[in-house]
All heavy atoms as atom14 arrays in JSON, in Angstrom:
{
  "sequence": "VFQSYALFPNLTAFENVAYGLRNKKISSKNIFSIVDEMFKMINLSDAK",
  "atom14_mask": [
    [1, 1, 1, 1, 1, 1, 1, 0, 0, 0, 0, 0, 0, 0],
    [1, 1, 1, 1, 1, 1, 1, 1, 1, 1, 1, 0, 0, 0],
    [1, 1, 1, 1, 1, 1, 1, 1, 1, 0, 0, 0, 0, 0],
    [1, 1, 1, 1, 1, 1, 0, 0, 0, 0, 0, 0, 0, 0],
    [1, 1, 1, 1, 1, 1, 1, 1, 1, 1, 1, 1, 0, 0],
    [1, 1, 1, 1, 1, 0, 0, 0, 0, 0, 0, 0, 0, 0],
    [1, 1, 1, 1, 1, 1, 1, 1, 0, 0, 0, 0, 0, 0],
    [1, 1, 1, 1, 1, 1, 1, 1, 1, 1, 1, 0, 0, 0],
    [1, 1, 1, 1, 1, 1, 1, 0, 0, 0, 0, 0, 0, 0],
    [1, 1, 1, 1, 1, 1, 1, 1, 0, 0, 0, 0, 0, 0],
    [1, 1, 1, 1, 1, 1, 1, 1, 0, 0, 0, 0, 0, 0],
    [1, 1, 1, 1, 1, 1, 1, 0, 0, 0, 0, 0, 0, 0],
    [1, 1, 1, 1, 1, 0, 0, 0, 0, 0, 0, 0, 0, 0],
    [1, 1, 1, 1, 1, 1, 1, 1, 1, 1, 1, 0, 0, 0],
    [1, 1, 1, 1, 1, 1, 1, 1, 1, 0, 0, 0, 0, 0],
    [1, 1, 1, 1, 1, 1, 1, 1, 0, 0, 0, 0, 0, 0],
    [1, 1, 1, 1, 1, 1, 1, 0, 0, 0, 0, 0, 0, 0],
    [1, 1, 1, 1, 1, 0, 0, 0, 0, 0, 0, 0, 0, 0],
    [1, 1, 1, 1, 1, 1, 1, 1, 1, 1, 1, 1, 0, 0],
    [1, 1, 1, 1, 0, 0, 0, 0, 0, 0, 0, 0, 0, 0],
    [1, 1, 1, 1, 1, 1, 1, 1, 0, 0, 0, 0, 0, 0],
    [1, 1, 1, 1, 1, 1, 1, 1, 1, 1, 1, 0, 0, 0],
    [1, 1, 1, 1, 1, 1, 1, 1, 0, 0, 0, 0, 0, 0],
    [1, 1, 1, 1, 1, 1, 1, 1, 1, 0, 0, 0, 0, 0],
    [1, 1, 1, 1, 1, 1, 1, 1, 1, 0, 0, 0, 0, 0],
    [1, 1, 1, 1, 1, 1, 1, 1, 0, 0, 0, 0, 0, 0],
    [1, 1, 1, 1, 1, 1, 0, 0, 0, 0, 0, 0, 0, 0],
    [1, 1, 1, 1, 1, 1, 0, 0, 0, 0, 0, 0, 0, 0],
    [1, 1, 1, 1, 1, 1, 1, 1, 1, 0, 0, 0, 0, 0],
    [1, 1, 1, 1, 1, 1, 1, 1, 0, 0, 0, 0, 0, 0],
    [1, 1, 1, 1, 1, 1, 1, 1, 0, 0, 0, 0, 0, 0],
    [1, 1, 1, 1, 1, 1, 1, 1, 1, 1, 1, 0, 0, 0],
    [1, 1, 1, 1, 1, 1, 0, 0, 0, 0, 0, 0, 0, 0],
    [1, 1, 1, 1, 1, 1, 1, 1, 0, 0, 0, 0, 0, 0],
    [1, 1, 1, 1, 1, 1, 1, 0, 0, 0, 0, 0, 0, 0],
    [1, 1, 1, 1, 1, 1, 1, 1, 0, 0, 0, 0, 0, 0],
    [1, 1, 1, 1, 1, 1, 1, 1, 1, 0, 0, 0, 0, 0],
    [1, 1, 1, 1, 1, 1, 1, 1, 0, 0, 0, 0, 0, 0],
    [1, 1, 1, 1, 1, 1, 1, 1, 1, 1, 1, 0, 0, 0],
    [1, 1, 1, 1, 1, 1, 1, 1, 1, 0, 0, 0, 0, 0],
    [1, 1, 1, 1, 1, 1, 1, 1, 0, 0, 0, 0, 0, 0],
    [1, 1, 1, 1, 1, 1, 1, 1, 0, 0, 0, 0, 0, 0],
    [1, 1, 1, 1, 1, 1, 1, 1, 0, 0, 0, 0, 0, 0],
    [1, 1, 1, 1, 1, 1, 1, 1, 0, 0, 0, 0, 0, 0],
    [1, 1, 1, 1, 1, 1, 0, 0, 0, 0, 0, 0, 0, 0],
    [1, 1, 1, 1, 1, 1, 1, 1, 0, 0, 0, 0, 0, 0],
    [1, 1, 1, 1, 1, 0, 0, 0, 0, 0, 0, 0, 0, 0],
    [1, 1, 1, 1, 1, 1, 1, 1, 1, 0, 0, 0, 0, 0]
  ],
  "atom14_positions": [
    [[12.5, -2.59, 6.23], [12.78, -2.13, 4.87], [14.26, -2.56, 4.46], [15.21, -2.27, 5.14], [12.62, -0.63, 4.84], [13.1, -0.05, 3.35], [11.24, -0.15, 5.14], [0.0, 0.0, 0.0], [0.0, 0.0, 0.0], [0.0, 0.0, 0.0], [0.0, 0.0, 0.0], [0.0, 0.0, 0.0], [0.0, 0.0, 0.0], [0.0, 0.0, 0.0]],
    [[14.34, -3.14, 3.3], [15.66, -3.7, 2.86], [16.23, -2.75, 1.82], [15.53, -1.85, 1.22], [15.59, -5.02, 2.21], [15.02, -6.08, 3.21], [13.64, -6.48, 3.11], [15.87, -6.65, 4.07], [13.23, -7.42, 4.04], [15.45, -7.68, 4.86], [14.01, -8.04, 4.78], [0.0, 0.0, 0.0], [0.0, 0.0, 0.0], [0.0, 0.0, 0.0]],
    [[17.57, -2.87, 1.57], [18.18, -2.05, 0.54], [17.54, -2.34, -0.89], [17.57, -1.33, -1.67], [19.61, -2.55, 0.45], [20.56, -1.88, -0.59], [21.87, -2.47, -0.64], [22.36, -3.02, 0.36], [22.6, -2.37, -1.77], [0.0, 0.0, 0.0], [0.0, 0.0, 0.0], [0.0, 0.0, 0.0], [0.0, 0.0, 0.0], [0.0, 0.0, 0.0]],
    [[17.14, -3.36, -1.05], [16.71, -3.92, -2.45], [15.14, -3.59, -2.63], [14.63, -4.08, -3.74], [16.88, -5.34, -2.66], [16.21, -6.04, -1.7], [0.0, 0.0, 0.0], [0.0, 0.0, 0.0], [0.0, 0.0, 0.0], [0.0, 0.0, 0.0], [0.0, 0.0, 0.0], [0.0, 0.0, 0.0], [0.0, 0.0, 0.0], [0.0, 0.0, 0.0]],
    [[14.59, -2.93, -1.81], [13.16, -2.53, -2.01], [12.17, -3.65, -1.83], [11.13, -3.64, -1.0], [12.75, -1.82, -3.24], [13.8, -0.94, -3.75], [14.12, -0.9, -5.14], [14.44, 0.1, -2.89], [15.08, 0.09, -5.62], [15.39, 1.07, -3.41], [15.74, 0.93, -4.75], [16.61, 1.83, -5.25], [0.0, 0.0, 0.0], [0.0, 0.0, 0.0]],
    [[12.41, -4.82, -2.52], [11.65, -5.99, -2.43], [10.14, -5.82, -2.58], [9.33, -6.45, -1.96], [11.9, -6.62, -0.97], [0.0, 0.0, 0.0], [0.0, 0.0, 0.0], [0.0, 0.0, 0.0], [0.0, 0.0, 0.0], [0.0, 0.0, 0.0], [0.0, 0.0, 0.0], [0.0, 0.0, 0.0], [0.0, 0.0, 0.0], [0.0, 0.0, 0.0]],
    [[9.81, -5.02, -3.7], [8.48, -4.84, -3.99], [8.04, -5.94, -4.95], [8.76, -6.49, -5.73], [8.26, -3.46, -4.68], [8.64, -2.18, -3.74], [8.41, -0.87, -4.58], [7.74, -2.2, -2.54], [0.0, 0.0, 0.0], [0.0, 0.0, 0.0], [0.0, 0.0, 0.0], [0.0, 0.0, 0.0], [0.0, 0.0, 0.0], [0.0, 0.0, 0.0]],
    [[6.65, -6.27, -4.89], [6.13, -7.15, -5.91], [5.97, -6.46, -7.29], [5.36, -5.47, -7.45], [4.81, -7.61, -5.55], [4.72, -8.48, -4.24], [4.19, -7.91, -3.11], [5.46, -9.64, -4.08], [4.09, -8.65, -1.87], [5.48, -10.35, -2.92], [4.76, -9.84, -1.74], [0.0, 0.0, 0.0], [0.0, 0.0, 0.0], [0.0, 0.0, 0.0]],
    [[6.71, -6.87, -8.2], [6.71, -6.2, -9.49], [5.46, -6.19, -10.3], [5.1, -5.27, -11.11], [7.78, -6.86, -10.38], [7.91, -8.26, -9.72], [7.67, -8.07, -8.34], [0.0, 0.0, 0.0], [0.0, 0.0, 0.0], [0.0, 0.0, 0.0], [0.0, 0.0, 0.0], [0.0, 0.0, 0.0], [0.0, 0.0, 0.0], [0.0, 0.0, 0.0]],
    [[4.59, -7.29, -9.96], [3.32, -7.33, -10.76], [2.09, -6.6, -10.03], [0.98, -6.66, -10.6], [2.98, -8.85, -10.92], [2.79, -9.56, -9.53], [3.56, -9.26, -8.58], [1.92, -10.49, -9.42], [0.0, 0.0, 0.0], [0.0, 0.0, 0.0], [0.0, 0.0, 0.0], [0.0, 0.0, 0.0], [0.0, 0.0, 0.0], [0.0, 0.0, 0.0]],
    [[2.48, -5.95, -8.86], [1.44, -5.11, -8.13], [1.71, -3.73, -8.2], [2.86, -3.25, -8.34], [1.36, -5.67, -6.71], [1.1, -7.09, -6.41], [0.98, -7.27, -4.83], [-0.34, -7.43, -7.02], [0.0, 0.0, 0.0], [0.0, 0.0, 0.0], [0.0, 0.0, 0.0], [0.0, 0.0, 0.0], [0.0, 0.0, 0.0], [0.0, 0.0, 0.0]],
    [[0.62, -2.83, -8.32], [0.87, -1.48, -8.25], [1.29, -0.97, -6.83], [1.38, -1.71, -5.94], [-0.57, -0.76, -8.45], [-1.39, -0.96, -7.38], [-1.18, -0.94, -9.77], [0.0, 0.0, 0.0], [0.0, 0.0, 0.0], [0.0, 0.0, 0.0], [0.0, 0.0, 0.0], [0.0, 0.0, 0.0], [0.0, 0.0, 0.0], [0.0, 0.0, 0.0]],
    [[1.89, 0.21, -6.88], [2.34, 0.68, -5.57], [1.3, 0.62, -4.5], [1.51, 0.27, -3.44], [2.76, 2.2, -5.78], [0.0, 0.0, 0.0], [0.0, 0.0, 0.0], [0.0, 0.0, 0.0], [0.0, 0.0, 0.0], [0.0, 0.0, 0.0], [0.0, 0.0, 0.0], [0.0, 0.0, 0.0], [0.0, 0.0, 0.0], [0.0, 0.0, 0.0]],
    [[0.0, 0.97, -4.75], [-1.1, 0.88, -3.86], [-1.27, -0.55, -3.38], [-1.32, -0.7, -2.14], [-2.31, 1.34, -4.49], [-3.52, 1.3, -3.57], [-3.86, 2.48, -2.84], [-4.29, 0.18, -3.33], [-4.9, 2.57, -2.01], [-5.34, 0.17, -2.49], [-5.68, 1.34, -1.81], [0.0, 0.0, 0.0], [0.0, 0.0, 0.0], [0.0, 0.0, 0.0]],
    [[-1.21, -1.51, -4.25], [-1.51, -2.95, -3.84], [-0.27, -3.5, -3.13], [-0.4, -4.28, -2.2], [-1.72, -3.78, -5.03], [-3.12, -3.56, -5.62], [-4.2, -3.79, -4.56], [-4.19, -4.77, -3.77], [-5.31, -3.05, -4.72], [0.0, 0.0, 0.0], [0.0, 0.0, 0.0], [0.0, 0.0, 0.0], [0.0, 0.0, 0.0], [0.0, 0.0, 0.0]],
    [[0.93, -2.94, -3.46], [2.02, -3.38, -2.66], [1.96, -2.93, -1.2], [2.29, -3.8, -0.28], [3.38, -2.77, -3.24], [4.16, -3.63, -4.16], [4.81, -4.68, -3.67], [4.02, -3.54, -5.31], [0.0, 0.0, 0.0], [0.0, 0.0, 0.0], [0.0, 0.0, 0.0], [0.0, 0.0, 0.0], [0.0, 0.0, 0.0], [0.0, 0.0, 0.0]],
    [[1.53, -1.69, -0.88], [1.24, -1.2, 0.56], [0.1, -2.05, 1.06], [0.14, -2.24, 2.27], [1.09, 0.24, 0.42], [0.8, 0.76, 1.89], [2.33, 0.97, -0.13], [0.0, 0.0, 0.0], [0.0, 0.0, 0.0], [0.0, 0.0, 0.0], [0.0, 0.0, 0.0], [0.0, 0.0, 0.0], [0.0, 0.0, 0.0], [0.0, 0.0, 0.0]],
    [[-1.1, -2.23, 0.31], [-2.14, -2.81, 0.86], [-2.06, -4.37, 1.07], [-2.88, -4.88, 1.74], [-3.38, -2.57, -0.05], [0.0, 0.0, 0.0], [0.0, 0.0, 0.0], [0.0, 0.0, 0.0], [0.0, 0.0, 0.0], [0.0, 0.0, 0.0], [0.0, 0.0, 0.0], [0.0, 0.0, 0.0], [0.0, 0.0, 0.0], [0.0, 0.0, 0.0]],
    [[-0.92, -4.96, 0.57], [-0.87, -6.46, 0.56], [-1.02, -7.06, 1.87], [-1.79, -8.11, 2.01], [0.47, -6.89, -0.03], [0.66, -8.34, -0.27], [0.13, -9.01, -1.38], [1.35, -9.06, 0.82], [0.37, -10.32, -1.58], [1.46, -10.43, 0.61], [0.94, -11.07, -0.51], [1.13, -12.44, -0.68], [0.0, 0.0, 0.0], [0.0, 0.0, 0.0]],
    [[-0.39, -6.58, 2.91], [-0.45, -7.18, 4.22], [-1.89, -7.02, 4.85], [-2.21, -7.89, 5.72], [0.0, 0.0, 0.0], [0.0, 0.0, 0.0], [0.0, 0.0, 0.0], [0.0, 0.0, 0.0], [0.0, 0.0, 0.0], [0.0, 0.0, 0.0], [0.0, 0.0, 0.0], [0.0, 0.0, 0.0], [0.0, 0.0, 0.0], [0.0, 0.0, 0.0]],
    [[-2.42, -5.99, 4.47], [-3.83, -5.84, 5.12], [-4.93, -6.69, 4.5], [-5.96, -6.87, 5.17], [-4.26, -4.31, 4.86], [-3.34, -3.27, 5.5], [-3.81, -1.79, 5.23], [-3.31, -3.4, 7.0], [0.0, 0.0, 0.0], [0.0, 0.0, 0.0], [0.0, 0.0, 0.0], [0.0, 0.0, 0.0], [0.0, 0.0, 0.0], [0.0, 0.0, 0.0]],
    [[-4.54, -7.18, 3.29], [-5.66, -7.9, 2.58], [-5.91, -9.26, 3.35], [-6.99, -9.82, 3.16], [-5.19, -8.26, 1.2], [-5.06, -7.02, 0.24], [-6.25, -6.46, -0.15], [-6.15, -5.46, -1.26], [-7.12, -4.58, -1.53], [-8.16, -4.45, -0.82], [-6.86, -3.57, -2.38], [0.0, 0.0, 0.0], [0.0, 0.0, 0.0], [0.0, 0.0, 0.0]],
    [[-4.94, -9.86, 4.07], [-5.06, -11.04, 4.79], [-5.7, -10.81, 6.13], [-6.0, -11.89, 6.76], [-3.74, -11.6, 4.91], [-2.97, -11.95, 3.75], [-3.51, -12.31, 2.79], [-1.61, -11.88, 3.68], [0.0, 0.0, 0.0], [0.0, 0.0, 0.0], [0.0, 0.0, 0.0], [0.0, 0.0, 0.0], [0.0, 0.0, 0.0], [0.0, 0.0, 0.0]],
    [[-6.0, -9.63, 6.52], [-6.69, -9.34, 7.76], [-8.21, -9.07, 7.46], [-8.6, -8.72, 6.34], [-6.17, -8.15, 8.43], [-4.73, -8.38, 8.83], [-4.13, -7.3, 9.67], [-2.74, -7.52, 10.2], [-2.2, -6.5, 11.03], [0.0, 0.0, 0.0], [0.0, 0.0, 0.0], [0.0, 0.0, 0.0], [0.0, 0.0, 0.0], [0.0, 0.0, 0.0]],
    [[-9.05, -9.09, 8.38], [-10.46, -8.91, 8.28], [-10.78, -7.43, 8.28], [-11.35, -6.83, 9.25], [-11.21, -9.64, 9.33], [-11.24, -11.21, 9.15], [-11.96, -11.91, 10.24], [-11.91, -13.38, 10.0], [-12.57, -14.16, 10.98], [0.0, 0.0, 0.0], [0.0, 0.0, 0.0], [0.0, 0.0, 0.0], [0.0, 0.0, 0.0], [0.0, 0.0, 0.0]],
    [[-10.18, -6.75, 7.32], [-10.47, -5.31, 7.18], [-11.35, -4.99, 5.82], [-10.93, -5.53, 4.85], [-9.0, -4.49, 7.12], [-8.31, -4.92, 8.39], [-9.31, -3.01, 7.05], [-6.91, -4.31, 8.39], [0.0, 0.0, 0.0], [0.0, 0.0, 0.0], [0.0, 0.0, 0.0], [0.0, 0.0, 0.0], [0.0, 0.0, 0.0], [0.0, 0.0, 0.0]],
    [[-12.2, -4.16, 5.92], [-13.0, -3.87, 4.82], [-12.19, -3.12, 3.75], [-11.26, -2.5, 4.07], [-14.34, -3.1, 5.16], [-13.79, -1.75, 5.53], [0.0, 0.0, 0.0], [0.0, 0.0, 0.0], [0.0, 0.0, 0.0], [0.0, 0.0, 0.0], [0.0, 0.0, 0.0], [0.0, 0.0, 0.0], [0.0, 0.0, 0.0], [0.0, 0.0, 0.0]],
    [[-12.59, -3.29, 2.52], [-11.89, -2.72, 1.33], [-11.97, -1.18, 1.57], [-10.95, -0.55, 1.23], [-12.59, -3.0, 0.08], [-12.44, -4.35, -0.24], [0.0, 0.0, 0.0], [0.0, 0.0, 0.0], [0.0, 0.0, 0.0], [0.0, 0.0, 0.0], [0.0, 0.0, 0.0], [0.0, 0.0, 0.0], [0.0, 0.0, 0.0], [0.0, 0.0, 0.0]],
    [[-13.02, -0.61, 2.04], [-13.18, 0.74, 2.3], [-12.14, 1.3, 3.24], [-11.4, 2.27, 3.02], [-14.69, 1.22, 2.76], [-14.86, 2.56, 2.97], [-16.23, 2.84, 3.49], [-16.44, 4.43, 3.66], [-17.8, 4.75, 4.16], [0.0, 0.0, 0.0], [0.0, 0.0, 0.0], [0.0, 0.0, 0.0], [0.0, 0.0, 0.0], [0.0, 0.0, 0.0]],
    [[-12.0, 0.56, 4.38], [-10.96, 0.9, 5.29], [-9.53, 0.72, 4.84], [-8.65, 1.53, 5.19], [-11.18, 0.13, 6.68], [-12.32, 0.54, 7.54], [-12.84, 1.7, 7.25], [-12.87, -0.3, 8.31], [0.0, 0.0, 0.0], [0.0, 0.0, 0.0], [0.0, 0.0, 0.0], [0.0, 0.0, 0.0], [0.0, 0.0, 0.0], [0.0, 0.0, 0.0]],
    [[-9.33, -0.45, 4.04], [-8.03, -0.59, 3.56], [-7.7, 0.69, 2.61], [-6.57, 1.12, 2.69], [-7.9, -1.85, 2.65], [-7.97, -3.16, 3.67], [-6.77, -1.79, 1.75], [-7.92, -4.44, 2.95], [0.0, 0.0, 0.0], [0.0, 0.0, 0.0], [0.0, 0.0, 0.0], [0.0, 0.0, 0.0], [0.0, 0.0, 0.0], [0.0, 0.0, 0.0]],
    [[-8.55, 1.0, 1.8], [-8.37, 2.32, 0.9], [-7.97, 3.47, 1.66], [-7.08, 4.17, 1.39], [-9.47, 2.47, 0.03], [-9.36, 3.68, -0.94], [-8.63, 3.51, -2.14], [-9.62, 4.95, -0.54], [-8.44, 4.48, -3.01], [-9.42, 6.15, -1.41], [-8.8, 5.82, -2.71], [0.0, 0.0, 0.0], [0.0, 0.0, 0.0], [0.0, 0.0, 0.0]],
    [[-8.77, 3.67, 2.82], [-8.46, 4.83, 3.62], [-7.17, 4.78, 4.39], [-6.43, 5.72, 4.37], [-9.68, 4.88, 4.64], [-9.42, 6.01, 5.55], [0.0, 0.0, 0.0], [0.0, 0.0, 0.0], [0.0, 0.0, 0.0], [0.0, 0.0, 0.0], [0.0, 0.0, 0.0], [0.0, 0.0, 0.0], [0.0, 0.0, 0.0], [0.0, 0.0, 0.0]],
    [[-6.77, 3.64, 5.0], [-5.54, 3.5, 5.59], [-4.28, 3.66, 4.57], [-3.4, 4.42, 4.83], [-5.38, 2.11, 6.2], [-6.5, 1.98, 7.34], [-4.08, 1.84, 6.8], [-6.59, 0.6, 7.84], [0.0, 0.0, 0.0], [0.0, 0.0, 0.0], [0.0, 0.0, 0.0], [0.0, 0.0, 0.0], [0.0, 0.0, 0.0], [0.0, 0.0, 0.0]],
    [[-4.42, 3.01, 3.46], [-3.23, 3.06, 2.46], [-3.18, 4.51, 1.84], [-2.03, 4.97, 1.59], [-3.44, 2.04, 1.4], [-2.41, 2.07, 0.18], [-3.46, 0.57, 1.96], [0.0, 0.0, 0.0], [0.0, 0.0, 0.0], [0.0, 0.0, 0.0], [0.0, 0.0, 0.0], [0.0, 0.0, 0.0], [0.0, 0.0, 0.0], [0.0, 0.0, 0.0]],
    [[-4.35, 5.11, 1.59], [-4.29, 6.44, 1.17], [-3.58, 7.41, 1.88], [-2.91, 8.31, 1.5], [-5.73, 6.96, 0.89], [-5.85, 8.14, 0.04], [-5.33, 8.24, -1.08], [-6.46, 9.24, 0.6], [0.0, 0.0, 0.0], [0.0, 0.0, 0.0], [0.0, 0.0, 0.0], [0.0, 0.0, 0.0], [0.0, 0.0, 0.0], [0.0, 0.0, 0.0]],
    [[-3.74, 7.19, 3.35], [-3.14, 8.06, 4.33], [-1.66, 7.79, 4.33], [-0.86, 8.81, 4.47], [-3.8, 7.73, 5.77], [-5.0, 8.52, 5.98], [-5.02, 9.95, 5.83], [-4.18, 10.59, 6.4], [-5.89, 10.53, 5.09], [0.0, 0.0, 0.0], [0.0, 0.0, 0.0], [0.0, 0.0, 0.0], [0.0, 0.0, 0.0], [0.0, 0.0, 0.0]],
    [[-1.27, 6.57, 3.98], [0.19, 6.23, 4.01], [0.89, 6.89, 2.85], [1.83, 7.48, 2.92], [0.37, 4.69, 3.92], [0.06, 3.85, 5.12], [1.02, 4.44, 6.62], [2.62, 4.26, 6.15], [0.0, 0.0, 0.0], [0.0, 0.0, 0.0], [0.0, 0.0, 0.0], [0.0, 0.0, 0.0], [0.0, 0.0, 0.0], [0.0, 0.0, 0.0]],
    [[0.12, 6.91, 1.7], [0.73, 7.64, 0.44], [0.75, 9.15, 0.71], [1.73, 9.75, 0.12], [-0.05, 7.32, -0.78], [0.35, 5.98, -1.38], [-0.19, 4.76, -1.06], [1.43, 6.02, -2.22], [0.26, 3.56, -1.57], [1.74, 4.84, -2.88], [1.27, 3.6, -2.56], [0.0, 0.0, 0.0], [0.0, 0.0, 0.0], [0.0, 0.0, 0.0]],
    [[-0.13, 9.57, 1.39], [-0.02, 11.11, 1.71], [1.21, 11.37, 2.68], [1.87, 12.36, 2.5], [-1.29, 11.54, 2.46], [-2.53, 11.65, 1.56], [-3.81, 12.11, 2.41], [-5.0, 12.13, 1.52], [-6.18, 12.42, 2.29], [0.0, 0.0, 0.0], [0.0, 0.0, 0.0], [0.0, 0.0, 0.0], [0.0, 0.0, 0.0], [0.0, 0.0, 0.0]],
    [[1.39, 10.51, 3.59], [2.43, 10.69, 4.53], [3.78, 10.54, 3.85], [4.86, 11.21, 4.18], [2.41, 9.51, 5.62], [3.62, 9.74, 6.75], [3.39, 8.46, 7.96], [3.85, 7.12, 7.1], [0.0, 0.0, 0.0], [0.0, 0.0, 0.0], [0.0, 0.0, 0.0], [0.0, 0.0, 0.0], [0.0, 0.0, 0.0], [0.0, 0.0, 0.0]],
    [[4.0, 9.69, 2.83], [5.19, 9.61, 1.99], [5.29, 10.51, 0.99], [6.23, 10.5, 0.05], [5.54, 8.16, 1.6], [4.44, 7.65, 0.72], [5.67, 7.15, 2.77], [4.8, 6.38, 0.01], [0.0, 0.0, 0.0], [0.0, 0.0, 0.0], [0.0, 0.0, 0.0], [0.0, 0.0, 0.0], [0.0, 0.0, 0.0], [0.0, 0.0, 0.0]],
    [[4.32, 11.45, 0.77], [4.25, 12.41, -0.34], [4.37, 11.66, -1.72], [5.17, 12.25, -2.63], [5.39, 13.54, -0.14], [5.26, 14.36, 1.11], [4.17, 14.69, 1.45], [6.36, 14.6, 1.71], [0.0, 0.0, 0.0], [0.0, 0.0, 0.0], [0.0, 0.0, 0.0], [0.0, 0.0, 0.0], [0.0, 0.0, 0.0], [0.0, 0.0, 0.0]],
    [[3.54, 10.75, -1.89], [3.6, 9.99, -3.19], [2.11, 9.62, -3.64], [1.92, 8.61, -4.24], [4.45, 8.74, -3.03], [5.21, 8.28, -4.2], [6.23, 9.42, -4.7], [6.04, 6.98, -3.86], [0.0, 0.0, 0.0], [0.0, 0.0, 0.0], [0.0, 0.0, 0.0], [0.0, 0.0, 0.0], [0.0, 0.0, 0.0], [0.0, 0.0, 0.0]],
    [[1.25, 10.5, -3.32], [-0.29, 10.15, -3.68], [-0.45, 9.97, -5.18], [-1.27, 9.09, -5.61], [-1.24, 11.29, -3.08], [-1.19, 11.22, -1.76], [0.0, 0.0, 0.0], [0.0, 0.0, 0.0], [0.0, 0.0, 0.0], [0.0, 0.0, 0.0], [0.0, 0.0, 0.0], [0.0, 0.0, 0.0], [0.0, 0.0, 0.0], [0.0, 0.0, 0.0]],
    [[0.34, 10.62, -6.0], [0.06, 10.46, -7.5], [0.68, 9.24, -8.16], [0.64, 9.1, -9.28], [0.65, 11.79, -8.09], [2.19, 11.87, -7.95], [2.7, 11.18, -6.99], [2.81, 12.71, -8.68], [0.0, 0.0, 0.0], [0.0, 0.0, 0.0], [0.0, 0.0, 0.0], [0.0, 0.0, 0.0], [0.0, 0.0, 0.0], [0.0, 0.0, 0.0]],
    [[1.3, 8.44, -7.18], [2.03, 7.32, -7.75], [1.31, 5.97, -7.37], [1.8, 4.89, -7.68], [3.51, 7.21, -7.3], [0.0, 0.0, 0.0], [0.0, 0.0, 0.0], [0.0, 0.0, 0.0], [0.0, 0.0, 0.0], [0.0, 0.0, 0.0], [0.0, 0.0, 0.0], [0.0, 0.0, 0.0], [0.0, 0.0, 0.0], [0.0, 0.0, 0.0]],
    [[0.24, 6.05, -6.81], [-0.51, 4.92, -6.4], [-0.77, 3.78, -7.39], [-0.77, 2.65, -7.13], [-1.74, 5.24, -5.61], [-1.73, 5.8, -4.28], [-3.03, 6.24, -3.65], [-3.77, 7.31, -4.27], [-4.85, 7.67, -3.44], [0.0, 0.0, 0.0], [0.0, 0.0, 0.0], [0.0, 0.0, 0.0], [0.0, 0.0, 0.0], [0.0, 0.0, 0.0]]
  ]
}
């Protein structure tokens, strides 16, 4: 994690977090579940 955030401006918060998982052989359902849990952990579920 850098000082400058380095988020992709053209992607939603959800897609920014999911980006690295998209290149792996993980189903969309599992990606949604994993990323959803991450947003719960950072207390930001309403910002996905």
